[in-house]
Structure formats: structure tokens, C-alpha cells
Amino acid sequence: MARKYAAIMASLGMTLVLLRALRHGGGLDAIPAGVAWMVAFGLVGYILGAIARTTVDESVRLSMQHEIGIASGQHRGPHRTSQTENGFSHQK
């Protein structure tokens, strides 16, 4: 997931710089700036992708642990929490 986000963001960075250069009449001098922004956006994309992957993995792991706990009878039944009509939580 991190590599996909990095590739998307890097492509976006390069595209934005090249489009800006075309709009303002720039030439080949925009390519080094495009590469620099491509690297910067790629790093940001990689970091965001890694955070997203970790978040999804942790969420799935906690859900699976919860489901396994319920299936194996380790669920603490009498201490369930539910919401009342006004949105506040209370224990049953």
C-alpha cells in the first residue's frame, strides 16, 4: 500500500510541476524541479501509505481478536456497553 501511494503522489508531483512549466512557458529547466518534487511527494505518499497500512492491519487484528474471543467464550457478557437515547454510554 505504501509503494502504491508513493507512486501516485510522485506522479502527481511531477505532473503538477510540468503543467505549471507549460502554463508559464518554461522549458527543460522545469525537469530538475519536477524530479525534486516527485521525490518529495513520493516520500510523503510512502509515509501516508505506511500509516494507512498500519491502521488497517491493526483494525483488522483487533476485530479478529474480538471475534475469536466471542467464539471461544472469553467474552465478558455482563459488562457490555450500549448507548442510551441521548447518546451517552452506560454499562448493562
Protein backbone atom coordinates (compact mmCIF):
# COMPACT_ATOMS: atom_id res chain seq x y z
CA MET A 1 0.00 0.00 0.00
CA ALA A 2 2.84 2.39 0.82
CA ARG A 3 4.50 1.90 -2.56
CA LYS A 4 1.23 2.50 -4.39
CA TYR A 5 0.62 5.76 -2.57
CA ALA A 6 4.24 6.78 -3.15
CA ALA A 7 3.93 6.14 -6.89
CA ILE A 8 0.65 8.05 -7.12
CA MET A 9 1.96 11.02 -5.16
CA ALA A 10 5.27 11.08 -7.08
CA SER A 11 3.40 11.11 -10.38
CA LEU A 12 1.19 13.88 -9.09
CA GLY A 13 4.21 15.96 -8.05
CA MET A 14 5.91 15.63 -11.42
CA THR A 15 2.69 16.31 -13.31
CA LEU A 16 1.95 19.46 -11.33
CA VAL A 17 5.42 20.89 -11.94
CA LEU A 18 5.36 20.09 -15.66
CA LEU A 19 1.88 21.56 -16.09
CA ARG A 20 2.97 24.70 -14.26
CA ALA A 21 6.03 24.96 -16.52
CA LEU A 22 3.89 24.56 -19.64
CA ARG A 23 1.45 27.18 -18.42
CA HIS A 24 4.20 29.74 -17.73
CA GLY A 25 6.23 28.95 -20.84
CA GLY A 26 9.01 27.03 -19.10
CA GLY A 27 11.27 24.66 -20.94
CA LEU A 28 13.53 21.83 -19.95
CA ASP A 29 14.67 23.75 -16.88
CA ALA A 30 11.50 22.53 -15.12
CA ILE A 31 12.63 18.88 -15.18
CA PRO A 32 15.06 19.09 -12.20
CA ALA A 33 12.39 20.85 -10.15
CA GLY A 34 9.90 18.20 -11.24
CA VAL A 35 12.21 15.41 -10.13
CA ALA A 36 12.76 17.13 -6.77
CA TRP A 37 9.02 17.50 -6.22
CA MET A 38 8.50 13.93 -7.42
CA VAL A 39 10.86 12.68 -4.72
CA ALA A 40 9.25 14.90 -2.06
CA PHE A 41 5.70 13.82 -2.96
CA GLY A 42 6.85 10.20 -3.20
CA LEU A 43 8.22 10.31 0.35
CA VAL A 44 5.01 11.86 1.64
CA GLY A 45 2.98 9.22 -0.20
CA TYR A 46 5.13 6.42 1.20
CA ILE A 47 4.72 7.70 4.75
CA LEU A 48 0.95 8.11 4.34
CA GLY A 49 0.67 4.66 2.78
CA ALA A 50 2.63 3.08 5.62
CA ILE A 51 0.41 4.79 8.20
CA ALA A 52 -2.71 3.64 6.34
CA ARG A 53 -1.42 0.06 6.12
CA THR A 54 -0.61 0.00 9.83
CA THR A 55 -4.02 1.44 10.72
CA VAL A 56 -5.90 -1.10 8.61
CA ASP A 57 -3.78 -4.02 9.87
CA GLU A 58 -4.32 -3.00 13.50
CA SER A 59 -8.05 -2.57 12.99
CA VAL A 60 -8.40 -5.98 11.36
CA ARG A 61 -6.25 -7.60 14.06
CA LEU A 62 -8.38 -6.12 16.86
CA SER A 63 -11.61 -7.15 15.12
CA MET A 64 -10.34 -10.69 14.65
CA GLN A 65 -9.21 -10.92 18.28
CA HIS A 66 -12.62 -9.71 19.39
CA GLU A 67 -14.44 -12.23 17.19
CA ILE A 68 -12.16 -15.07 18.32
CA GLY A 69 -12.75 -14.09 21.94
CA ILE A 70 -16.52 -14.18 21.45
CA ALA A 71 -16.37 -17.52 19.60
CA SER A 72 -14.19 -19.15 22.26
CA GLY A 73 -16.38 -17.93 25.12
CA GLN A 74 -13.90 -15.46 26.57
CA HIS A 75 -16.30 -12.56 26.10
CA ARG A 76 -17.27 -10.88 29.37
CA GLY A 77 -21.01 -10.95 28.90
CA PRO A 78 -22.50 -8.92 31.76
CA HIS A 79 -20.30 -5.84 31.21
CA ARG A 80 -21.49 -4.83 27.76
CA THR A 81 -21.70 -1.14 26.96
CA SER A 82 -24.56 0.36 24.98
CA GLN A 83 -25.76 3.83 24.10
CA THR A 84 -28.87 5.39 25.54
CA GLU A 85 -31.31 7.57 23.63
CA ASN A 86 -29.34 10.72 24.46
CA GLY A 87 -26.08 9.23 23.11
CA PHE A 88 -24.36 8.56 26.43
CA SER A 89 -22.86 5.14 27.11
CA HIS A 90 -23.72 3.05 30.15
CA GLN A 91 -22.93 -0.47 31.30
CA LYS A 92 -25.60 -3.15 31.44
